[in-house]
Amino acid sequence: MGTARIGRINLAPVKGLGLVHPRRVELTLQGAGGDRRFHLVDADGRMLNGKRRGELVRVSPEHDVEADVLRLQLPDGRVVAAPVELGAPIETSFFGRPVTGRVVEGPFAAALSELAGLPLRLIRPDAPGAAADRGHTVSLVSRGSIESLSADAGLEEPLDGRRFRMSLELDGVPAYAEDAWVGRRIRIGTATALVRGNVGRCLVTSHDPDRGVADVDTLGALATFRGEVDTTEPLPLGVWGEIVEPGAAALGDSVAPVD
């Protein structure tokens, strides 16, 4: 079947904003290091993601972990940067799961609110990795799966994997090979993960990853060609798991079952 190898690493320092693509990532018990370290809430304290304000993906974030400085490059070229200063405590609901954190003070909320057209607050969860949709997890998808979905959607060229916002994109295996890893332990670089289930897709996958606007009916294609597949979540593409043995993963590292 071939050996899966890491072709791209996708991290979102701020949930819902643009992705960064390091060559190497630490995989910890809290998930992929630096991923979803911040998230946004609206004036009512509701978590905000790309389904509600897709245009925020045009903001490029950079978080210097050692200095704890956040830098946001806005679509018009302006840069907002400052040390992370924490304010009032807040609890955010992530699909019914409570996540505690602190409001981030400084210039970030005003800049993002102006772009989104509604009042926003930037939040840092108390626990790293807590702002991932499933909490403290890593996600994986093969490019073969992305290519198959692209063909099912009637596209001449494969979709850019960034629209699926998975931690790791894998080369070297056929479409949906990762489905067979559910319930198994896999080695990712020097780390080990227990794959818990499939990733059910949402409307964000229909958005162009550079503009944040819908341009492909990914959900329609998944419903037609993957709707009857026996998986843990509906409209599946890719898998998610929990790191059980911390380590590091880099571009070109192999990913394979160990049991």
Protein backbone atom coordinates (compact mmCIF):
# COMPACT_ATOMS: atom_id res chain seq x y z
CA MET A 1 0.00 0.00 0.00
CA GLY A 2 2.97 2.31 0.34
CA THR A 3 4.39 4.26 3.25
CA ALA A 4 2.66 7.41 4.44
CA ARG A 5 4.99 10.37 4.86
CA ILE A 6 4.31 13.87 6.13
CA GLY A 7 3.95 16.25 3.19
CA ARG A 8 2.77 19.36 5.02
CA ILE A 9 2.23 20.52 8.59
CA ASN A 10 -0.71 22.88 9.22
CA LEU A 11 -1.01 24.79 12.48
CA ALA A 12 -3.45 27.54 13.42
CA PRO A 13 -1.93 29.69 16.19
CA VAL A 14 -5.32 31.44 16.34
CA LYS A 15 -8.36 29.27 15.60
CA GLY A 16 -10.15 30.58 12.49
CA LEU A 17 -7.24 32.70 11.19
CA GLY A 18 -4.63 31.71 8.60
CA LEU A 19 -2.41 28.64 8.91
CA VAL A 20 1.35 28.39 9.39
CA HIS A 21 3.49 25.58 7.99
CA PRO A 22 6.55 24.73 10.08
CA ARG A 23 8.95 22.02 8.96
CA ARG A 24 8.74 20.35 12.36
CA VAL A 25 6.21 20.16 15.18
CA GLU A 26 6.27 18.84 18.73
CA LEU A 27 3.47 16.35 19.37
CA THR A 28 2.58 16.48 23.05
CA LEU A 29 -0.11 15.03 25.27
CA GLN A 30 -1.93 18.35 24.63
CA GLY A 31 -1.81 17.86 20.84
CA ALA A 32 0.28 19.61 18.18
CA GLY A 33 2.48 22.23 19.83
CA GLY A 34 1.34 25.79 19.12
CA ASP A 35 -1.90 24.75 17.43
CA ARG A 36 -5.09 26.64 18.40
CA ARG A 37 -3.23 28.43 21.19
CA PHE A 38 -5.77 31.27 20.87
CA HIS A 39 -9.39 31.51 19.78
CA LEU A 40 -12.05 34.18 19.27
CA VAL A 41 -15.41 34.83 20.87
CA ASP A 42 -18.14 37.31 19.96
CA ALA A 43 -19.82 39.86 22.23
CA ASP A 44 -21.98 37.10 23.75
CA GLY A 45 -18.96 34.92 24.52
CA ARG A 46 -19.75 32.41 21.78
CA MET A 47 -16.82 30.73 20.06
CA LEU A 48 -16.28 32.08 16.55
CA ASN A 49 -14.79 30.09 13.68
CA GLY A 50 -14.62 30.11 9.90
CA LYS A 51 -18.25 29.04 9.47
CA ARG A 52 -19.36 32.44 10.77
CA ARG A 53 -16.55 34.73 9.54
CA GLY A 54 -14.58 33.00 6.80
CA GLU A 55 -12.79 36.22 5.82
CA LEU A 56 -10.69 36.05 8.98
CA VAL A 57 -8.60 33.34 7.30
CA ARG A 58 -6.94 36.23 5.42
CA VAL A 59 -5.16 37.25 8.65
CA SER A 60 -1.69 35.69 8.99
CA PRO A 61 -0.77 34.99 12.63
CA GLU A 62 2.62 34.37 14.18
CA HIS A 63 3.18 33.50 17.82
CA ASP A 64 6.68 33.70 19.29
CA VAL A 65 6.24 31.20 22.11
CA GLU A 66 9.47 32.01 23.96
CA ALA A 67 8.87 35.77 23.99
CA ASP A 68 5.08 35.28 24.15
CA VAL A 69 4.55 37.89 21.45
CA LEU A 70 1.65 37.63 18.99
CA ARG A 71 1.84 39.17 15.53
CA LEU A 72 -1.10 39.48 13.13
CA GLN A 73 -0.65 40.59 9.53
CA LEU A 74 -3.95 41.97 8.23
CA PRO A 75 -5.14 41.68 4.61
CA ASP A 76 -4.33 45.35 3.92
CA GLY A 77 -0.70 44.81 4.96
CA ARG A 78 -0.93 46.36 8.42
CA VAL A 79 0.75 44.46 11.23
CA VAL A 80 -0.56 44.33 14.78
CA ALA A 81 1.97 42.97 17.26
CA ALA A 82 2.33 43.04 21.03
CA PRO A 83 3.29 40.89 24.02
CA VAL A 84 0.43 38.69 25.19
CA GLU A 85 -1.17 40.27 28.26
CA LEU A 86 -3.93 38.31 29.95
CA GLY A 87 -7.02 39.87 31.47
CA ALA A 88 -10.32 38.60 32.82
CA PRO A 89 -11.13 34.88 33.01
CA ILE A 90 -13.73 33.49 30.62
CA GLU A 91 -15.32 30.14 29.81
CA THR A 92 -16.08 29.26 26.19
CA SER A 93 -18.27 26.42 24.98
CA PHE A 94 -16.67 24.26 22.28
CA PHE A 95 -19.57 22.21 20.92
CA GLY A 96 -20.82 21.70 24.47
CA ARG A 97 -17.36 21.21 26.01
CA PRO A 98 -16.33 24.02 28.42
CA VAL A 99 -12.89 25.59 27.85
CA THR A 100 -11.56 28.01 30.44
CA GLY A 101 -9.18 30.81 29.48
CA ARG A 102 -8.32 34.47 29.79
CA VAL A 103 -9.10 37.47 27.59
CA VAL A 104 -6.03 38.77 25.74
CA GLU A 105 -5.61 42.50 26.19
CA GLY A 106 -4.01 44.86 23.67
CA PRO A 107 -4.68 45.83 20.04
CA PHE A 108 -5.76 42.47 18.63
CA ALA A 109 -9.50 42.53 19.36
CA ALA A 110 -10.02 45.95 17.80
CA ALA A 111 -8.19 45.01 14.58
CA LEU A 112 -10.05 41.71 14.19
CA SER A 113 -13.40 43.27 15.09
CA GLU A 114 -12.94 45.88 12.36
CA LEU A 115 -12.18 43.21 9.78
CA ALA A 116 -15.05 40.92 10.84
CA GLY A 117 -17.60 43.70 11.25
CA LEU A 118 -18.64 42.62 14.74
CA PRO A 119 -17.17 42.91 18.25
CA LEU A 120 -14.65 40.15 18.98
CA ARG A 121 -12.40 39.21 21.86
CA LEU A 122 -9.20 37.19 21.63
CA ILE A 123 -8.91 34.38 24.20
CA ARG A 124 -6.03 32.20 25.33
CA PRO A 125 -7.20 28.89 26.85
CA ASP A 126 -5.63 27.93 30.14
CA ALA A 127 -4.58 24.55 28.74
CA PRO A 128 -2.60 24.35 25.47
CA GLY A 129 -4.53 22.44 22.83
CA ALA A 130 -7.91 22.91 24.49
CA ALA A 131 -9.19 25.05 21.60
CA ALA A 132 -8.98 22.22 19.07
CA ASP A 133 -12.48 21.10 18.09
CA ARG A 134 -12.05 17.74 19.80
CA GLY A 135 -9.58 18.96 22.43
CA HIS A 136 -5.89 17.98 22.77
CA THR A 137 -5.78 16.09 19.48
CA VAL A 138 -3.87 15.75 16.22
CA SER A 139 -5.56 15.23 12.85
CA LEU A 140 -4.32 13.58 9.66
CA VAL A 141 -5.48 13.28 6.07
CA SER A 142 -3.86 11.68 3.03
CA ARG A 143 -3.48 13.71 -0.12
CA GLY A 144 -4.89 10.67 -1.91
CA SER A 145 -8.15 11.26 -0.04
CA ILE A 146 -8.13 14.94 -1.00
CA GLU A 147 -7.48 14.04 -4.65
CA SER A 148 -10.34 11.51 -4.62
CA LEU A 149 -12.76 14.05 -3.14
CA SER A 150 -11.64 16.60 -5.72
CA ALA A 151 -12.43 14.20 -8.54
CA ASP A 152 -15.79 13.37 -6.96
CA ALA A 153 -16.56 17.10 -6.88
CA GLY A 154 -15.89 17.28 -10.64
CA LEU A 155 -12.68 19.32 -10.34
CA GLU A 156 -9.83 19.13 -12.84
CA GLU A 157 -7.18 19.94 -10.22
CA PRO A 158 -6.87 18.65 -6.63
CA LEU A 159 -8.13 20.90 -3.87
CA ASP A 160 -5.60 22.69 -1.67
CA GLY A 161 -5.41 20.66 1.53
CA ARG A 162 -5.32 23.83 3.62
CA ARG A 163 -9.09 24.14 3.37
CA PHE A 164 -9.42 21.04 5.56
CA ARG A 165 -7.16 22.52 8.29
CA MET A 166 -5.70 19.17 9.34
CA SER A 167 -2.57 18.99 11.47
CA LEU A 168 -0.74 16.73 9.00
CA GLU A 169 -1.17 16.05 5.28
CA LEU A 170 0.27 12.71 4.16
CA ASP A 171 1.78 11.53 0.88
CA GLY A 172 2.40 8.00 -0.33
CA VAL A 173 -0.83 6.11 0.41
CA PRO A 174 -4.09 5.58 -1.51
CA ALA A 175 -7.30 7.47 -0.92
CA TYR A 176 -8.88 6.87 2.49
CA ALA A 177 -6.08 4.56 3.65
CA GLU A 178 -6.15 6.45 6.96
CA ASP A 179 -9.68 5.14 7.65
CA ALA A 180 -8.10 1.77 8.51
CA TRP A 181 -6.14 3.38 11.37
CA VAL A 182 -9.21 4.12 13.51
CA GLY A 183 -8.84 2.28 16.80
CA ARG A 184 -5.13 1.64 16.22
CA ARG A 185 -1.89 3.18 17.42
CA ILE A 186 0.22 4.89 14.78
CA ARG A 187 3.78 6.13 14.86
CA ILE A 188 4.16 9.74 13.71
CA GLY A 189 7.85 10.62 13.56
CA THR A 190 9.02 9.85 17.11
CA ALA A 191 5.54 10.21 18.65
CA THR A 192 2.74 7.67 18.99
CA ALA A 193 -0.96 8.48 18.64
CA LEU A 194 -4.12 6.49 19.28
CA VAL A 195 -6.49 7.16 16.40
CA ARG A 196 -9.93 7.70 17.91
CA GLY A 197 -12.13 8.36 14.89
CA ASN A 198 -12.90 9.95 11.56
CA VAL A 199 -13.21 13.70 11.11
CA GLY A 200 -16.71 14.70 10.07
CA ARG A 201 -16.48 17.73 7.83
CA CYS A 202 -18.28 21.07 8.09
CA LEU A 203 -19.03 24.06 5.88
CA VAL A 204 -15.51 25.51 6.33
CA THR A 205 -14.16 22.90 3.89
CA SER A 206 -16.18 24.55 1.09
CA HIS A 207 -14.20 27.80 1.59
CA ASP A 208 -11.23 28.90 -0.47
CA PRO A 209 -8.33 28.84 2.04
CA ASP A 210 -6.97 32.20 0.90
CA ARG A 211 -10.22 34.20 0.66
CA GLY A 212 -12.53 32.43 3.09
CA VAL A 213 -15.48 32.33 0.67
CA ALA A 214 -17.36 29.24 -0.51
CA ASP A 215 -16.30 27.99 -3.94
CA VAL A 216 -16.61 24.16 -3.91
CA ASP A 217 -19.47 21.96 -2.69
CA THR A 218 -17.25 19.63 -0.65
CA LEU A 219 -20.11 18.55 1.60
CA GLY A 220 -22.25 17.60 -1.37
CA ALA A 221 -19.45 15.46 -2.79
CA LEU A 222 -18.86 13.80 0.60
CA ALA A 223 -22.58 13.13 1.02
CA THR A 224 -22.77 11.53 -2.41
CA PHE A 225 -19.59 9.46 -2.37
CA ARG A 226 -18.87 8.96 1.36
CA GLY A 227 -22.36 9.16 2.84
CA GLU A 228 -22.77 5.39 3.18
CA VAL A 229 -19.26 4.69 4.52
CA ASP A 230 -19.19 3.13 8.00
CA THR A 231 -17.31 5.80 9.98
CA THR A 232 -17.45 7.40 13.42
CA GLU A 233 -18.70 10.77 12.13
CA PRO A 234 -20.82 11.74 9.10
CA LEU A 235 -19.27 13.23 5.93
CA PRO A 236 -15.81 11.94 6.86
CA LEU A 237 -12.44 13.01 5.49
CA GLY A 238 -9.32 12.20 7.51
CA VAL A 239 -8.90 10.96 11.07
CA TRP A 240 -8.09 12.33 14.50
CA GLY A 241 -6.28 10.92 17.48
CA GLU A 242 -4.66 11.55 20.83
CA ILE A 243 -0.92 11.57 21.41
CA VAL A 244 -0.08 8.80 23.88
CA GLU A 245 3.72 8.98 23.57
CA PRO A 246 5.07 12.51 22.98
CA GLY A 247 7.67 13.14 20.33
CA ALA A 248 8.36 15.23 17.25
CA ALA A 249 7.29 15.03 13.62
CA ALA A 250 8.94 16.65 10.61
CA LEU A 251 8.37 16.85 6.88
CA GLY A 252 9.18 13.51 5.29
CA ASP A 253 8.75 11.49 8.49
CA SER A 254 6.83 8.24 8.14
CA VAL A 255 3.38 7.59 9.61
CA ALA A 256 2.39 3.96 10.11
CA PRO A 257 0.42 1.64 12.41
CA VAL A 258 2.37 0.01 15.22
CA ASP A 259 -0.24 -2.55 16.31
